[in-house]
Amino acid sequence: MMKCKYCGGNLTLEQAYCPHCGRPNEEAAQHVKDMEHYKSNFEDTKSDVYEVTEKNTEIMSHMIIITVLVILCVVVFVVSARSWSIHRGLLQFDAGIRQGSYMKQMEQYLEDEDYIGLSAFCDRHYIRPYSSNNSYEKYQLLMEASGAYRYFYESLMKAVTINSGNVSILPGLYEDISDYYEQLERILHPVDNDYRAKQYRELPEEQKEAILRMEENVKALLQTYFDMTPEEAENFGTMSNAQKILFLEEKGEVMGYGKFEE
């Protein structure tokens, strides 16, 4: 409650005129101006706040979307890695409980002299000589030999099939041929490894014959696709790496396989 400056009557700040004398209430007029100024400032501030909030909301939305996408990518990567690990574990478990039927199938491949099929079968079912169940351990050397033989054979067939004469196929071929002979050397002539020597000595005769038969097949393939003589194919495995490269390059040029380029 305030007093009129003219008549001393009581009036409020909201009254523009004195209810007693009718004179203007100057304090009320100033109050109205102040309120209008306040409202104007308030509206401007509110507009600025809404604008900033809208921009921040848009930025936050983008950040949330990016964060969610990153999290989803990480989740997909982890799940993919875990899914392969789980799948591999299931294959190993299955190989353990089906060892009887699987080993019977492996023996059939051995009897049929299908060494490529044997290697593919072991890869498909993730059969490994070392696992929680060592029943497959007796096939370790056979699996190593058939795996190296398979990669060499598939590499050779693929290269011969797609060879255009313009691109050298020797580097990939040499790698697989070299891997095969290194694997064969480790099996037949283990150096300072009594365990592997014992493994080979204790191999069943049919497995020893299979490993030697694969070696003969490799020699026949070298004669067929590199035009080697029987003597050259026989001596090829005893050559040094440098000699193998030079010999393959010489034969490869004749057969149209291009030059060896590292």
C-alpha atoms as a PDB file:
ATOM      1  CA  MET A   1       0.000   0.000   0.000  1.00  0.00           C
ATOM      2  CA  MET A   2       1.243   3.459  -0.930  1.00  0.00           C
ATOM      3  CA  LYS A   3       0.032   7.132  -0.476  1.00  0.00           C
ATOM      4  CA  CYS A   4      -1.055   9.595  -3.178  1.00  0.00           C
ATOM      5  CA  LYS A   5       1.437  12.430  -3.352  1.00  0.00           C
ATOM      6  CA  TYR A   6      -1.349  14.903  -3.930  1.00  0.00           C
ATOM      7  CA  CYS A   7      -4.090  14.023  -1.430  1.00  0.00           C
ATOM      8  CA  GLY A   8      -2.426  11.442   0.797  1.00  0.00           C
ATOM      9  CA  GLY A   9      -5.090   8.832   0.015  1.00  0.00           C
ATOM     10  CA  ASN A  10      -4.287   5.154  -0.056  1.00  0.00           C
ATOM     11  CA  LEU A  11      -3.655   3.520  -3.464  1.00  0.00           C
ATOM     12  CA  THR A  12      -1.811   0.587  -4.937  1.00  0.00           C
ATOM     13  CA  LEU A  13       1.036   0.401  -7.447  1.00  0.00           C
ATOM     14  CA  GLU A  14      -1.286  -1.107 -10.034  1.00  0.00           C
ATOM     15  CA  GLN A  15      -3.758   1.876  -9.895  1.00  0.00           C
ATOM     16  CA  ALA A  16      -2.964   4.408 -12.648  1.00  0.00           C
ATOM     17  CA  TYR A  17      -5.092   7.141 -10.970  1.00  0.00           C
ATOM     18  CA  CYS A  18      -5.807   8.007  -7.366  1.00  0.00           C
ATOM     19  CA  PRO A  19      -9.324   6.777  -6.436  1.00  0.00           C
ATOM     20  CA  HIS A  20      -9.682   9.758  -4.084  1.00  0.00           C
ATOM     21  CA  CYS A  21      -8.501  12.817  -6.040  1.00  0.00           C
ATOM     22  CA  GLY A  22      -8.287  11.430  -9.542  1.00  0.00           C
ATOM     23  CA  ARG A  23      -4.705  12.591 -10.085  1.00  0.00           C
ATOM     24  CA  PRO A  24      -2.296  10.363 -12.086  1.00  0.00           C
ATOM     25  CA  ASN A  25      -0.297   7.870 -10.068  1.00  0.00           C
ATOM     26  CA  GLU A  26       3.243   8.581 -11.311  1.00  0.00           C
ATOM     27  CA  GLU A  27       4.657   5.539  -9.510  1.00  0.00           C
ATOM     28  CA  ALA A  28       2.188   3.303 -11.336  1.00  0.00           C
ATOM     29  CA  ALA A  29       3.197   4.773 -14.713  1.00  0.00           C
ATOM     30  CA  GLN A  30       6.868   4.018 -14.017  1.00  0.00           C
ATOM     31  CA  HIS A  31       5.918   0.546 -12.829  1.00  0.00           C
ATOM     32  CA  VAL A  32       4.105  -0.156 -16.107  1.00  0.00           C
ATOM     33  CA  LYS A  33       7.151   0.968 -18.105  1.00  0.00           C
ATOM     34  CA  ASP A  34       9.399  -1.233 -15.990  1.00  0.00           C
ATOM     35  CA  MET A  35       7.073  -4.222 -16.452  1.00  0.00           C
ATOM     36  CA  GLU A  36       6.930  -3.718 -20.231  1.00  0.00           C
ATOM     37  CA  HIS A  37      10.728  -3.503 -20.364  1.00  0.00           C
ATOM     38  CA  TYR A  38      10.979  -6.616 -18.226  1.00  0.00           C
ATOM     39  CA  LYS A  39       8.516  -8.515 -20.428  1.00  0.00           C
ATOM     40  CA  SER A  40      10.426  -7.457 -23.556  1.00  0.00           C
ATOM     41  CA  ASN A  41      13.715  -8.625 -22.090  1.00  0.00           C
ATOM     42  CA  PHE A  42      12.076 -11.810 -20.894  1.00  0.00           C
ATOM     43  CA  GLU A  43      10.675 -12.611 -24.349  1.00  0.00           C
ATOM     44  CA  ASP A  44      14.076 -11.942 -25.984  1.00  0.00           C
ATOM     45  CA  THR A  45      15.829 -14.123 -23.428  1.00  0.00           C
ATOM     46  CA  LYS A  46      13.243 -16.865 -23.836  1.00  0.00           C
ATOM     47  CA  SER A  47      13.672 -16.757 -27.616  1.00  0.00           C
ATOM     48  CA  ASP A  48      17.463 -17.003 -27.247  1.00  0.00           C
ATOM     49  CA  VAL A  49      17.120 -19.891 -24.823  1.00  0.00           C
ATOM     50  CA  TYR A  50      14.788 -21.756 -27.195  1.00  0.00           C
ATOM     51  CA  GLU A  51      17.175 -21.190 -30.111  1.00  0.00           C
ATOM     52  CA  VAL A  52      20.231 -22.341 -28.173  1.00  0.00           C
ATOM     53  CA  THR A  53      18.308 -25.280 -26.749  1.00  0.00           C
ATOM     54  CA  GLU A  54      17.155 -26.288 -30.232  1.00  0.00           C
ATOM     55  CA  LYS A  55      20.719 -26.155 -31.555  1.00  0.00           C
ATOM     56  CA  ASN A  56      22.046 -28.080 -28.567  1.00  0.00           C
ATOM     57  CA  THR A  57      19.271 -30.634 -28.949  1.00  0.00           C
ATOM     58  CA  GLU A  58      20.179 -31.111 -32.605  1.00  0.00           C
ATOM     59  CA  ILE A  59      23.867 -31.510 -31.720  1.00  0.00           C
ATOM     60  CA  MET A  60      23.031 -33.918 -28.911  1.00  0.00           C
ATOM     61  CA  SER A  61      20.785 -35.907 -31.253  1.00  0.00           C
ATOM     62  CA  HIS A  62      23.623 -36.251 -33.753  1.00  0.00           C
ATOM     63  CA  MET A  63      26.026 -37.234 -30.985  1.00  0.00           C
ATOM     64  CA  ILE A  64      23.586 -39.812 -29.654  1.00  0.00           C
ATOM     65  CA  ILE A  65      23.080 -41.264 -33.151  1.00  0.00           C
ATOM     66  CA  ILE A  66      26.858 -41.445 -33.732  1.00  0.00           C
ATOM     67  CA  THR A  67      27.377 -43.002 -30.296  1.00  0.00           C
ATOM     68  CA  VAL A  68      24.662 -45.580 -30.937  1.00  0.00           C
ATOM     69  CA  LEU A  69      26.164 -46.432 -34.350  1.00  0.00           C
ATOM     70  CA  VAL A  70      29.632 -46.847 -32.822  1.00  0.00           C
ATOM     71  CA  ILE A  71      28.215 -49.075 -30.097  1.00  0.00           C
ATOM     72  CA  LEU A  72      26.333 -51.125 -32.700  1.00  0.00           C
ATOM     73  CA  CYS A  73      29.525 -51.548 -34.759  1.00  0.00           C
ATOM     74  CA  VAL A  74      31.422 -52.711 -31.682  1.00  0.00           C
ATOM     75  CA  VAL A  75      28.603 -55.086 -30.766  1.00  0.00           C
ATOM     76  CA  VAL A  76      28.490 -56.524 -34.308  1.00  0.00           C
ATOM     77  CA  PHE A  77      32.277 -56.987 -34.301  1.00  0.00           C
ATOM     78  CA  VAL A  78      32.274 -58.676 -30.904  1.00  0.00           C
ATOM     79  CA  VAL A  79      29.296 -60.871 -31.790  1.00  0.00           C
ATOM     80  CA  SER A  80      30.905 -61.857 -35.107  1.00  0.00           C
ATOM     81  CA  ALA A  81      34.158 -62.777 -33.399  1.00  0.00           C
ATOM     82  CA  ARG A  82      32.314 -64.599 -30.664  1.00  0.00           C
ATOM     83  CA  SER A  83      30.045 -66.367 -33.159  1.00  0.00           C
ATOM     84  CA  TRP A  84      33.049 -67.828 -34.993  1.00  0.00           C
ATOM     85  CA  SER A  85      34.588 -68.832 -31.669  1.00  0.00           C
ATOM     86  CA  ILE A  86      31.300 -70.458 -30.639  1.00  0.00           C
ATOM     87  CA  HIS A  87      30.936 -72.138 -34.034  1.00  0.00           C
ATOM     88  CA  ARG A  88      34.490 -73.458 -33.822  1.00  0.00           C
ATOM     89  CA  GLY A  89      33.850 -74.738 -30.312  1.00  0.00           C
ATOM     90  CA  LEU A  90      30.702 -76.525 -31.477  1.00  0.00           C
ATOM     91  CA  LEU A  91      32.622 -78.105 -34.356  1.00  0.00           C
ATOM     92  CA  GLN A  92      35.333 -79.304 -31.982  1.00  0.00           C
ATOM     93  CA  PHE A  93      32.718 -80.686 -29.610  1.00  0.00           C
ATOM     94  CA  ASP A  94      30.952 -82.397 -32.492  1.00  0.00           C
ATOM     95  CA  ALA A  95      34.255 -83.889 -33.704  1.00  0.00           C
ATOM     96  CA  GLY A  96      34.737 -85.311 -30.227  1.00  0.00           C
ATOM     97  CA  ILE A  97      31.369 -87.011 -29.927  1.00  0.00           C
ATOM     98  CA  ARG A  98      31.394 -88.195 -33.556  1.00  0.00           C
ATOM     99  CA  GLN A  99      34.978 -89.426 -33.552  1.00  0.00           C
ATOM    100  CA  GLY A 100      33.946 -92.965 -34.398  1.00  0.00           C
ATOM    101  CA  SER A 101      32.058 -92.065 -37.564  1.00  0.00           C
ATOM    102  CA  TYR A 102      34.544 -89.325 -38.497  1.00  0.00           C
ATOM    103  CA  MET A 103      37.571 -91.622 -38.209  1.00  0.00           C
ATOM    104  CA  LYS A 104      35.715 -94.217 -40.259  1.00  0.00           C
ATOM    105  CA  GLN A 105      35.174 -91.589 -42.965  1.00  0.00           C
ATOM    106  CA  MET A 106      38.844 -90.600 -42.784  1.00  0.00           C
ATOM    107  CA  GLU A 107      39.860 -94.225 -43.240  1.00  0.00           C
ATOM    108  CA  GLN A 108      37.590 -94.377 -46.293  1.00  0.00           C
ATOM    109  CA  TYR A 109      39.318 -91.351 -47.827  1.00  0.00           C
ATOM    110  CA  LEU A 110      42.636 -93.039 -47.101  1.00  0.00           C
ATOM    111  CA  GLU A 111      41.511 -96.264 -48.753  1.00  0.00           C
ATOM    112  CA  ASP A 112      40.238 -94.366 -51.794  1.00  0.00           C
ATOM    113  CA  GLU A 113      43.549 -92.448 -51.992  1.00  0.00           C
ATOM    114  CA  ASP A 114      41.523 -89.232 -51.885  1.00  0.00           C
ATOM    115  CA  TYR A 115      43.992 -87.142 -49.911  1.00  0.00           C
ATOM    116  CA  ILE A 116      42.508 -83.820 -50.986  1.00  0.00           C
ATOM    117  CA  GLY A 117      39.087 -84.994 -49.829  1.00  0.00           C
ATOM    118  CA  LEU A 118      40.620 -86.113 -46.526  1.00  0.00           C
ATOM    119  CA  SER A 119      42.138 -82.678 -45.887  1.00  0.00           C
ATOM    120  CA  ALA A 120      38.932 -80.857 -46.858  1.00  0.00           C
ATOM    121  CA  PHE A 121      36.899 -83.150 -44.590  1.00  0.00           C
ATOM    122  CA  CYS A 122      39.153 -82.403 -41.611  1.00  0.00           C
ATOM    123  CA  ASP A 123      38.977 -78.651 -42.252  1.00  0.00           C
ATOM    124  CA  ARG A 124      35.210 -78.676 -42.716  1.00  0.00           C
ATOM    125  CA  HIS A 125      34.640 -80.437 -39.394  1.00  0.00           C
ATOM    126  CA  TYR A 126      37.514 -78.669 -37.626  1.00  0.00           C
ATOM    127  CA  ILE A 127      39.205 -81.951 -36.787  1.00  0.00           C
ATOM    128  CA  ARG A 128      42.500 -81.286 -35.017  1.00  0.00           C
ATOM    129  CA  PRO A 129      45.042 -83.804 -33.744  1.00  0.00           C
ATOM    130  CA  TYR A 130      45.453 -81.860 -30.517  1.00  0.00           C
ATOM    131  CA  SER A 131      42.244 -81.239 -28.603  1.00  0.00           C
ATOM    132  CA  SER A 132      40.574 -82.296 -25.399  1.00  0.00           C
ATOM    133  CA  ASN A 133      40.200 -85.692 -27.018  1.00  0.00           C
ATOM    134  CA  ASN A 134      43.430 -87.018 -28.559  1.00  0.00           C
ATOM    135  CA  SER A 135      41.833 -89.811 -30.578  1.00  0.00           C
ATOM    136  CA  TYR A 136      42.772 -87.987 -33.796  1.00  0.00           C
ATOM    137  CA  GLU A 137      46.435 -87.692 -32.799  1.00  0.00           C
ATOM    138  CA  LYS A 138      47.335 -90.833 -34.722  1.00  0.00           C
ATOM    139  CA  TYR A 139      46.351 -89.001 -37.918  1.00  0.00           C
ATOM    140  CA  GLN A 140      48.505 -85.929 -37.252  1.00  0.00           C
ATOM    141  CA  LEU A 141      51.254 -86.579 -39.818  1.00  0.00           C
ATOM    142  CA  LEU A 142      48.759 -87.746 -42.405  1.00  0.00           C
ATOM    143  CA  MET A 143      46.670 -84.596 -41.890  1.00  0.00           C
ATOM    144  CA  GLU A 144      49.759 -82.377 -42.196  1.00  0.00           C
ATOM    145  CA  ALA A 145      50.884 -84.081 -45.397  1.00  0.00           C
ATOM    146  CA  SER A 146      47.422 -84.124 -46.988  1.00  0.00           C
ATOM    147  CA  GLY A 147      46.887 -80.447 -46.081  1.00  0.00           C
ATOM    148  CA  ALA A 148      50.130 -79.349 -47.745  1.00  0.00           C
ATOM    149  CA  TYR A 149      49.395 -81.588 -50.737  1.00  0.00           C
ATOM    150  CA  ARG A 150      45.892 -80.165 -51.093  1.00  0.00           C
ATOM    151  CA  TYR A 151      47.045 -76.512 -51.028  1.00  0.00           C
ATOM    152  CA  PHE A 152      49.749 -77.230 -53.590  1.00  0.00           C
ATOM    153  CA  TYR A 153      47.337 -79.095 -55.871  1.00  0.00           C
ATOM    154  CA  GLU A 154      44.556 -76.477 -55.642  1.00  0.00           C
ATOM    155  CA  SER A 155      47.028 -73.642 -56.219  1.00  0.00           C
ATOM    156  CA  LEU A 156      48.469 -75.372 -59.267  1.00  0.00           C
ATOM    157  CA  MET A 157      45.047 -76.181 -60.765  1.00  0.00           C
ATOM    158  CA  LYS A 158      43.762 -72.655 -60.178  1.00  0.00           C
ATOM    159  CA  ALA A 159      46.871 -71.082 -61.661  1.00  0.00           C
ATOM    160  CA  VAL A 160      46.847 -73.306 -64.728  1.00  0.00           C
ATOM    161  CA  THR A 161      43.135 -72.711 -65.258  1.00  0.00           C
ATOM    162  CA  ILE A 162      43.191 -68.908 -65.053  1.00  0.00           C
ATOM    163  CA  ASN A 163      46.665 -68.332 -66.523  1.00  0.00           C
ATOM    164  CA  SER A 164      46.568 -65.833 -69.376  1.00  0.00           C
ATOM    165  CA  GLY A 165      50.278 -65.836 -70.120  1.00  0.00           C
ATOM    166  CA  ASN A 166      50.535 -62.182 -69.092  1.00  0.00           C
ATOM    167  CA  VAL A 167      50.684 -62.490 -65.313  1.00  0.00           C
ATOM    168  CA  SER A 168      53.239 -64.633 -63.537  1.00  0.00           C
ATOM    169  CA  ILE A 169      51.717 -67.426 -61.462  1.00  0.00           C
ATOM    170  CA  LEU A 170      55.063 -68.619 -60.150  1.00  0.00           C
ATOM    171  CA  PRO A 171      55.232 -66.729 -56.809  1.00  0.00           C
ATOM    172  CA  GLY A 172      52.073 -68.343 -55.383  1.00  0.00           C
ATOM    173  CA  LEU A 173      52.942 -71.699 -56.852  1.00  0.00           C
ATOM    174  CA  TYR A 174      56.454 -71.598 -55.477  1.00  0.00           C
ATOM    175  CA  GLU A 175      55.163 -70.785 -51.998  1.00  0.00           C
ATOM    176  CA  ASP A 176      52.815 -73.781 -51.977  1.00  0.00           C
ATOM    177  CA  ILE A 177      55.387 -76.106 -53.550  1.00  0.00           C
ATOM    178  CA  SER A 178      57.981 -74.963 -51.031  1.00  0.00           C
ATOM    179  CA  ASP A 179      55.532 -75.411 -48.143  1.00  0.00           C
ATOM    180  CA  TYR A 180      54.749 -78.921 -49.305  1.00  0.00           C
ATOM    181  CA  TYR A 181      58.382 -80.005 -49.472  1.00  0.00           C
ATOM    182  CA  GLU A 182      59.170 -78.379 -46.118  1.00  0.00           C
ATOM    183  CA  GLN A 183      56.248 -80.231 -44.563  1.00  0.00           C
ATOM    184  CA  LEU A 184      57.351 -83.485 -46.175  1.00  0.00           C
ATOM    185  CA  GLU A 185      60.902 -82.992 -44.908  1.00  0.00           C
ATOM    186  CA  ARG A 186      59.649 -82.418 -41.343  1.00  0.00           C
ATOM    187  CA  ILE A 187      57.638 -85.620 -41.542  1.00  0.00           C
ATOM    188  CA  LEU A 188      60.162 -87.918 -43.166  1.00  0.00           C
ATOM    189  CA  HIS A 189      63.360 -86.477 -41.735  1.00  0.00           C
ATOM    190  CA  PRO A 190      62.690 -84.643 -38.445  1.00  0.00           C
ATOM    191  CA  VAL A 191      65.771 -82.850 -37.133  1.00  0.00           C
ATOM    192  CA  ASP A 192      66.417 -82.973 -33.380  1.00  0.00           C
ATOM    193  CA  ASN A 193      62.850 -84.011 -32.739  1.00  0.00           C
ATOM    194  CA  ASP A 194      62.667 -87.450 -31.221  1.00  0.00           C
ATOM    195  CA  TYR A 195      58.903 -87.186 -30.729  1.00  0.00           C
ATOM    196  CA  ARG A 196      58.136 -86.630 -34.431  1.00  0.00           C
ATOM    197  CA  ALA A 197      60.609 -89.337 -35.420  1.00  0.00           C
ATOM    198  CA  LYS A 198      58.834 -91.688 -33.052  1.00  0.00           C
ATOM    199  CA  GLN A 199      55.489 -90.605 -34.521  1.00  0.00           C
ATOM    200  CA  TYR A 200      56.599 -91.547 -38.027  1.00  0.00           C
ATOM    201  CA  ARG A 201      58.096 -94.849 -36.943  1.00  0.00           C
ATOM    202  CA  GLU A 202      54.829 -95.791 -35.254  1.00  0.00           C
ATOM    203  CA  LEU A 203      52.634 -94.782 -38.184  1.00  0.00           C
ATOM    204  CA  PRO A 204      50.464 -97.564 -39.634  1.00  0.00           C
ATOM    205  CA  GLU A 205      51.914 -98.785 -42.916  1.00  0.00           C
ATOM    206  CA  GLU A 206      48.923 -97.549 -44.910  1.00  0.00           C
ATOM    207  CA  GLN A 207      49.559 -93.995 -43.669  1.00  0.00           C
ATOM    208  CA  LYS A 208      53.259 -94.179 -44.531  1.00  0.00           C
ATOM    209  CA  GLU A 209      52.353 -95.442 -47.988  1.00  0.00           C
ATOM    210  CA  ALA A 210      49.820 -92.611 -48.388  1.00  0.00           C
ATOM    211  CA  ILE A 211      52.419 -89.955 -47.528  1.00  0.00           C
ATOM    212  CA  LEU A 212      54.883 -91.416 -50.023  1.00  0.00           C
ATOM    213  CA  ARG A 213      52.128 -91.729 -52.643  1.00  0.00           C
ATOM    214  CA  MET A 214      51.350 -88.032 -52.269  1.00  0.00           C
ATOM    215  CA  GLU A 215      55.014 -87.307 -52.907  1.00  0.00           C
ATOM    216  CA  GLU A 216      54.883 -89.365 -56.087  1.00  0.00           C
ATOM    217  CA  ASN A 217      51.729 -87.494 -57.158  1.00  0.00           C
ATOM    218  CA  VAL A 218      53.515 -84.173 -56.684  1.00  0.00           C
ATOM    219  CA  LYS A 219      56.380 -85.364 -58.864  1.00  0.00           C
ATOM    220  CA  ALA A 220      53.887 -86.436 -61.541  1.00  0.00           C
ATOM    221  CA  LEU A 221      52.213 -83.016 -61.405  1.00  0.00           C
ATOM    222  CA  LEU A 222      55.563 -81.273 -61.780  1.00  0.00           C
ATOM    223  CA  GLN A 223      56.337 -83.407 -64.806  1.00  0.00           C
ATOM    224  CA  THR A 224      52.935 -82.673 -66.342  1.00  0.00           C
ATOM    225  CA  TYR A 225      52.633 -78.939 -65.695  1.00  0.00           C
ATOM    226  CA  PHE A 226      56.314 -77.915 -65.664  1.00  0.00           C
ATOM    227  CA  ASP A 227      57.538 -80.325 -68.303  1.00  0.00           C
ATOM    228  CA  MET A 228      60.081 -81.859 -65.934  1.00  0.00           C
ATOM    229  CA  THR A 229      61.747 -85.130 -66.688  1.00  0.00           C
ATOM    230  CA  PRO A 230      61.360 -87.909 -64.106  1.00  0.00           C
ATOM    231  CA  GLU A 231      64.933 -87.245 -62.984  1.00  0.00           C
ATOM    232  CA  GLU A 232      64.304 -83.489 -62.620  1.00  0.00           C
ATOM    233  CA  ALA A 233      61.129 -84.074 -60.626  1.00  0.00           C
ATOM    234  CA  GLU A 234      62.967 -86.569 -58.414  1.00  0.00           C
ATOM    235  CA  ASN A 235      65.786 -84.137 -57.681  1.00  0.00           C
ATOM    236  CA  PHE A 236      63.594 -81.041 -57.331  1.00  0.00           C
ATOM    237  CA  GLY A 237      62.812 -81.663 -53.669  1.00  0.00           C
ATOM    238  CA  THR A 238      66.528 -81.768 -52.788  1.00  0.00           C
ATOM    239  CA  MET A 239      67.281 -78.362 -54.344  1.00  0.00           C
ATOM    240  CA  SER A 240      67.876 -75.253 -52.263  1.00  0.00           C
ATOM    241  CA  ASN A 241      65.252 -72.520 -52.273  1.00  0.00           C
ATOM    242  CA  ALA A 242      67.290 -70.407 -54.695  1.00  0.00           C
ATOM    243  CA  GLN A 243      67.739 -73.363 -57.042  1.00  0.00           C
ATOM    244  CA  LYS A 244      63.998 -74.088 -56.927  1.00  0.00           C
ATOM    245  CA  ILE A 245      63.195 -70.494 -57.893  1.00  0.00           C
ATOM    246  CA  LEU A 246      65.589 -70.478 -60.841  1.00  0.00           C
ATOM    247  CA  PHE A 247      64.433 -73.879 -62.018  1.00  0.00           C
ATOM    248  CA  LEU A 248      60.731 -72.980 -61.789  1.00  0.00           C
ATOM    249  CA  GLU A 249      61.348 -69.701 -63.614  1.00  0.00           C
ATOM    250  CA  GLU A 250      63.159 -71.507 -66.409  1.00  0.00           C
ATOM    251  CA  LYS A 251      60.429 -74.106 -66.746  1.00  0.00           C
ATOM    252  CA  GLY A 252      57.664 -71.537 -66.226  1.00  0.00           C
ATOM    253  CA  GLU A 253      58.839 -69.406 -69.147  1.00  0.00           C
ATOM    254  CA  VAL A 254      58.820 -72.417 -71.432  1.00  0.00           C
ATOM    255  CA  MET A 255      55.290 -73.337 -70.309  1.00  0.00           C
ATOM    256  CA  GLY A 256      54.059 -69.717 -70.617  1.00  0.00           C
ATOM    257  CA  TYR A 257      53.672 -69.100 -66.887  1.00  0.00           C
ATOM    258  CA  GLY A 258      55.688 -65.885 -66.889  1.00  0.00           C
ATOM    259  CA  LYS A 259      58.723 -64.929 -64.832  1.00  0.00           C
ATOM    260  CA  PHE A 260      59.181 -65.221 -61.105  1.00  0.00           C
ATOM    261  CA  GLU A 261      58.792 -61.796 -59.498  1.00  0.00           C
ATOM    262  CA  GLU A 262      58.978 -61.254 -55.722  1.00  0.00           C
END
